[in-house]
């Protein structure tokens, strides 16, 4: 059962279809753990090949895995985090200086009993995993809920939206009355329309348990520097380029497992 101390506004857990495969390693081999080929003229060192333990049956977080990249990594990641074209609103390139390289998109070894296509969130270590075949996973860095706003359990992706409107819960507006200045009356109530200033970013997925909306969302962020931190009101937030990548792979009905923090 999903546990949380309040109704949170969102959670950026992305549901990804089982058809996601090793194509990312094929296209971006330098972003895959264990890659030993050339990385850049400066011979980018990349991430040491280590086994990241999968989740245990009690849904507790696995130990974090360190990742280090030298100053030349931004050139290799430029294609993943470049400006996004064809969107109704501008999505600029990610400033690599604002994001810890440990939380950039990467293919990793992640054995687990969960089937391919499952999303596993590790809030303690600020990672989201899309489980793939053969013990692999596509890993994304995330921002999670601050103390008192965390949660754990199992849910499913009920629906998803591009450039979603934001409807903060009444409790959030009561805690942060200054939010009222940014909100207006929308079709669904008091909220903020989708756009470049909307805190849900470019994409959102809505997590339900059975017939109940958990009020947690999978979404992008306009604050990429918060990735790898615990700052949200229960949200799991992602870099816009990452949540778009996941959104395109995603299918409604995906199983989402959120681990307990130790």
Protein backbone atom coordinates (compact mmCIF):
# COMPACT_ATOMS: atom_id res chain seq x y z
CA UNK A 1 0.00 0.00 0.00
CA UNK A 2 1.26 3.46 -0.87
CA UNK A 3 2.26 5.47 2.18
CA UNK A 4 2.61 9.24 2.44
CA UNK A 5 1.95 11.87 5.09
CA UNK A 6 0.06 14.25 2.84
CA UNK A 7 -1.42 14.46 -0.62
CA UNK A 8 1.56 15.42 -2.71
CA UNK A 9 1.34 17.25 -6.00
CA UNK A 10 3.41 15.06 -8.19
CA UNK A 11 5.97 12.34 -8.66
CA UNK A 12 8.25 11.98 -11.56
CA UNK A 13 8.35 8.23 -11.92
CA UNK A 14 8.33 7.28 -15.55
CA UNK A 15 6.64 4.20 -16.92
CA UNK A 16 8.52 2.65 -19.72
CA UNK A 17 7.40 -0.02 -22.09
CA UNK A 18 9.02 -3.39 -22.24
CA UNK A 19 10.10 -2.62 -25.81
CA UNK A 20 12.86 -0.36 -24.47
CA UNK A 21 16.05 -2.26 -25.19
CA UNK A 22 19.79 -2.04 -25.53
CA UNK A 23 19.40 0.38 -28.44
CA UNK A 24 20.67 3.17 -26.19
CA UNK A 25 23.91 1.29 -25.71
CA UNK A 26 24.09 0.80 -29.45
CA UNK A 27 23.59 4.52 -30.09
CA UNK A 28 25.48 5.89 -27.09
CA UNK A 29 27.99 3.21 -26.13
CA UNK A 30 30.03 5.72 -24.17
CA UNK A 31 27.05 6.14 -21.81
CA UNK A 32 26.91 2.44 -20.92
CA UNK A 33 28.69 0.98 -17.95
CA UNK A 34 31.50 -1.31 -18.95
CA UNK A 35 32.18 0.51 -22.23
CA UNK A 36 35.92 0.28 -22.86
CA UNK A 37 36.15 1.97 -26.24
CA UNK A 38 37.21 5.55 -27.02
CA UNK A 39 35.16 8.25 -25.34
CA UNK A 40 36.66 11.54 -26.43
CA UNK A 41 40.04 13.02 -27.41
CA UNK A 42 40.67 13.35 -23.68
CA UNK A 43 39.83 9.64 -23.16
CA UNK A 44 36.91 10.21 -20.85
CA UNK A 45 37.20 7.71 -17.97
CA UNK A 46 33.51 7.04 -17.53
CA UNK A 47 32.06 4.90 -14.76
CA UNK A 48 33.82 1.88 -13.28
CA UNK A 49 32.08 -1.37 -14.10
CA UNK A 50 30.39 -2.46 -10.91
CA UNK A 51 27.30 -4.47 -10.14
CA UNK A 52 24.44 -2.40 -8.77
CA UNK A 53 22.36 -4.71 -6.57
CA UNK A 54 18.70 -4.99 -7.45
CA UNK A 55 15.87 -4.27 -5.02
CA UNK A 56 15.22 -6.71 -2.20
CA UNK A 57 11.88 -8.32 -1.52
CA UNK A 58 11.18 -5.82 1.29
CA UNK A 59 11.41 -2.93 -1.21
CA UNK A 60 14.38 -1.37 0.53
CA UNK A 61 16.91 0.76 -1.28
CA UNK A 62 20.10 -0.78 -2.60
CA UNK A 63 23.48 0.86 -1.88
CA UNK A 64 24.36 3.76 -4.13
CA UNK A 65 26.92 3.32 -6.88
CA UNK A 66 29.47 6.07 -7.37
CA UNK A 67 29.91 7.64 -10.79
CA UNK A 68 32.67 10.02 -11.82
CA UNK A 69 33.32 11.82 -15.09
CA UNK A 70 36.04 14.30 -16.00
CA UNK A 71 35.51 17.79 -17.36
CA UNK A 72 35.20 16.53 -20.93
CA UNK A 73 32.01 14.59 -20.35
CA UNK A 74 29.72 17.42 -21.44
CA UNK A 75 30.76 17.03 -25.08
CA UNK A 76 29.72 13.38 -25.10
CA UNK A 77 26.42 14.06 -23.38
CA UNK A 78 25.57 17.02 -25.58
CA UNK A 79 23.37 14.92 -27.87
CA UNK A 80 21.33 13.61 -24.93
CA UNK A 81 20.86 16.97 -23.28
CA UNK A 82 20.72 19.31 -26.26
CA UNK A 83 17.83 21.73 -26.92
CA UNK A 84 14.64 19.85 -27.85
CA UNK A 85 13.03 20.86 -31.15
CA UNK A 86 9.40 20.55 -32.20
CA UNK A 87 7.94 21.41 -28.80
CA UNK A 88 5.26 24.08 -28.19
CA UNK A 89 7.63 25.73 -25.72
CA UNK A 90 11.39 26.06 -25.78
CA UNK A 91 13.46 23.45 -23.94
CA UNK A 92 17.04 24.70 -23.68
CA UNK A 93 20.14 22.56 -23.46
CA UNK A 94 21.03 21.39 -19.98
CA UNK A 95 23.93 23.23 -18.43
CA UNK A 96 26.19 20.38 -17.45
CA UNK A 97 27.71 22.45 -14.65
CA UNK A 98 24.30 22.40 -12.93
CA UNK A 99 23.93 18.61 -12.76
CA UNK A 100 26.07 16.10 -10.90
CA UNK A 101 27.35 13.71 -13.61
CA UNK A 102 26.39 10.76 -11.41
CA UNK A 103 22.74 11.50 -12.24
CA UNK A 104 22.95 11.64 -16.01
CA UNK A 105 21.22 9.00 -18.14
CA UNK A 106 23.11 5.73 -18.29
CA UNK A 107 22.67 2.02 -19.07
CA UNK A 108 23.68 -0.05 -16.04
CA UNK A 109 23.76 -3.61 -14.78
CA UNK A 110 20.79 -4.02 -12.40
CA UNK A 111 19.65 -7.60 -11.73
CA UNK A 112 16.17 -7.84 -10.24
CA UNK A 113 13.23 -10.21 -10.09
CA UNK A 114 10.95 -7.51 -11.54
CA UNK A 115 10.07 -8.08 -15.21
CA UNK A 116 11.33 -5.92 -18.06
CA UNK A 117 9.30 -2.75 -18.44
CA UNK A 118 8.93 -2.19 -14.69
CA UNK A 119 9.96 1.15 -13.23
CA UNK A 120 11.87 1.05 -9.94
CA UNK A 121 12.47 4.23 -7.98
CA UNK A 122 15.29 4.35 -5.43
CA UNK A 123 14.57 7.58 -3.49
CA UNK A 124 17.48 7.19 -1.11
CA UNK A 125 20.01 7.18 -3.93
CA UNK A 126 18.00 9.44 -6.27
CA UNK A 127 17.77 7.02 -9.19
CA UNK A 128 14.95 5.80 -11.41
CA UNK A 129 15.46 2.51 -13.25
CA UNK A 130 13.68 1.22 -16.34
CA UNK A 131 14.17 -2.54 -16.14
CA UNK A 132 15.34 -4.18 -19.35
CA UNK A 133 16.30 -7.69 -20.36
CA UNK A 134 19.43 -9.59 -19.30
CA UNK A 135 19.92 -7.82 -15.98
CA UNK A 136 20.22 -4.37 -17.52
CA UNK A 137 18.37 -1.15 -16.78
CA UNK A 138 18.26 2.36 -18.10
CA UNK A 139 19.05 4.63 -15.15
CA UNK A 140 18.03 8.26 -14.69
CA UNK A 141 18.82 10.68 -11.90
CA UNK A 142 15.82 12.11 -10.06
CA UNK A 143 14.88 14.60 -7.39
CA UNK A 144 12.64 13.24 -4.62
CA UNK A 145 10.55 14.32 -1.64
CA UNK A 146 12.18 16.06 1.30
CA UNK A 147 11.88 14.75 4.86
CA UNK A 148 8.28 14.04 5.75
CA UNK A 149 7.11 13.84 2.14
CA UNK A 150 8.61 10.52 1.06
CA UNK A 151 6.58 7.46 0.18
CA UNK A 152 6.98 3.88 -0.94
CA UNK A 153 4.84 1.17 -2.49
CA UNK A 154 3.51 0.00 -5.85
CA UNK A 155 1.36 1.94 -8.31
CA UNK A 156 0.61 2.02 -12.04
CA UNK A 157 0.70 4.74 -14.67
CA UNK A 158 -2.95 5.66 -15.23
CA UNK A 159 -2.46 8.39 -17.86
CA UNK A 160 0.13 10.82 -19.14
CA UNK A 161 0.22 14.35 -20.53
CA UNK A 162 2.55 16.63 -22.44
CA UNK A 163 3.04 20.12 -21.00
CA UNK A 164 0.52 19.39 -18.23
CA UNK A 165 -1.40 21.93 -16.21
CA UNK A 166 -0.44 22.01 -12.54
CA UNK A 167 -3.05 21.86 -9.81
CA UNK A 168 -1.29 22.10 -6.43
CA UNK A 169 -3.17 20.40 -3.59
CA UNK A 170 -5.00 22.65 -1.15
CA UNK A 171 -2.56 21.64 1.57
CA UNK A 172 0.37 22.89 -0.48
CA UNK A 173 -1.27 26.26 -1.12
CA UNK A 174 -2.00 26.56 2.59
CA UNK A 175 1.66 25.89 3.41
CA UNK A 176 2.89 28.22 0.67
CA UNK A 177 0.33 31.03 0.28
CA UNK A 178 2.67 32.88 -2.07
CA UNK A 179 1.75 30.28 -4.71
CA UNK A 180 -1.64 31.95 -5.16
CA UNK A 181 0.00 34.77 -7.11
CA UNK A 182 1.08 32.27 -9.78
CA UNK A 183 -2.26 30.45 -10.05
CA UNK A 184 -5.46 31.14 -11.95
CA UNK A 185 -8.79 29.51 -12.62
CA UNK A 186 -8.37 26.72 -15.16
CA UNK A 187 -10.83 24.13 -16.44
CA UNK A 188 -9.86 21.78 -13.61
CA UNK A 189 -9.77 24.42 -10.87
CA UNK A 190 -7.11 26.66 -9.38
CA UNK A 191 -3.85 25.96 -11.17
CA UNK A 192 -1.12 26.97 -13.57
CA UNK A 193 -1.31 26.21 -17.31
CA UNK A 194 1.38 24.10 -18.94
CA UNK A 195 4.39 26.04 -20.14
CA UNK A 196 8.05 26.86 -19.56
CA UNK A 197 7.43 28.17 -16.02
CA UNK A 198 5.22 25.27 -14.95
CA UNK A 199 6.95 23.15 -12.24
CA UNK A 200 5.76 19.90 -13.88
CA UNK A 201 7.97 20.58 -16.87
CA UNK A 202 7.43 19.12 -20.33
CA UNK A 203 5.79 15.80 -19.45
CA UNK A 204 3.89 14.17 -16.60
CA UNK A 205 2.61 10.72 -15.75
CA UNK A 206 -0.13 10.13 -13.22
CA UNK A 207 0.15 7.30 -10.71
CA UNK A 208 -2.92 5.48 -9.44
CA UNK A 209 -3.59 2.53 -7.18
CA UNK A 210 -6.63 0.73 -8.52
CA UNK A 211 -9.35 3.37 -8.93
CA UNK A 212 -7.64 5.91 -6.68
CA UNK A 213 -5.42 8.75 -7.84
CA UNK A 214 -2.44 8.88 -5.50
CA UNK A 215 -1.82 12.53 -6.50
CA UNK A 216 1.79 11.60 -7.16
CA UNK A 217 3.17 12.43 -10.60
CA UNK A 218 6.09 11.54 -12.82
CA UNK A 219 7.21 14.82 -14.32
CA UNK A 220 9.92 17.04 -15.64
CA UNK A 221 11.39 20.05 -13.90
CA UNK A 222 12.43 23.59 -14.67
CA UNK A 223 15.12 23.24 -11.99
CA UNK A 224 17.63 20.62 -13.23
CA UNK A 225 20.03 21.53 -10.44
CA UNK A 226 17.65 19.83 -7.99
CA UNK A 227 18.27 16.41 -9.54
CA UNK A 228 19.98 14.20 -6.97
CA UNK A 229 18.44 16.14 -4.08
CA UNK A 230 15.49 15.67 -1.71
CA UNK A 231 13.58 18.91 -2.08
CA UNK A 232 10.11 18.22 -3.47
CA UNK A 233 6.68 17.80 -1.87
CA UNK A 234 6.76 14.09 -2.63
CA UNK A 235 7.51 14.45 -6.33
CA UNK A 236 9.96 12.42 -8.33
CA UNK A 237 11.26 14.97 -10.80
CA UNK A 238 13.51 14.52 -13.82
CA UNK A 239 15.48 16.62 -16.27
CA UNK A 240 13.09 17.57 -19.09
CA UNK A 241 15.20 15.78 -21.71
CA UNK A 242 15.10 12.62 -19.61
CA UNK A 243 11.38 12.69 -18.90
CA UNK A 244 10.68 13.24 -22.61
CA UNK A 245 12.87 10.26 -23.44
CA UNK A 246 10.99 8.12 -20.93
CA UNK A 247 7.60 9.44 -21.92
CA UNK A 248 8.17 8.34 -25.51
CA UNK A 249 8.94 4.80 -24.33
CA UNK A 250 6.16 4.67 -21.78
CA UNK A 251 2.89 2.82 -21.80
CA UNK A 252 -0.16 3.36 -19.64
CA UNK A 253 -0.47 0.57 -17.09
CA UNK A 254 3.24 0.27 -16.34
CA UNK A 255 4.05 -1.08 -12.88
CA UNK A 256 5.97 1.40 -10.71
CA UNK A 257 7.81 0.24 -7.57
CA UNK A 258 9.05 2.85 -5.10
CA UNK A 259 11.61 1.45 -2.66
CA UNK A 260 11.78 2.19 1.04
CA UNK A 261 14.68 4.33 2.15
CA UNK A 262 16.85 2.70 4.77
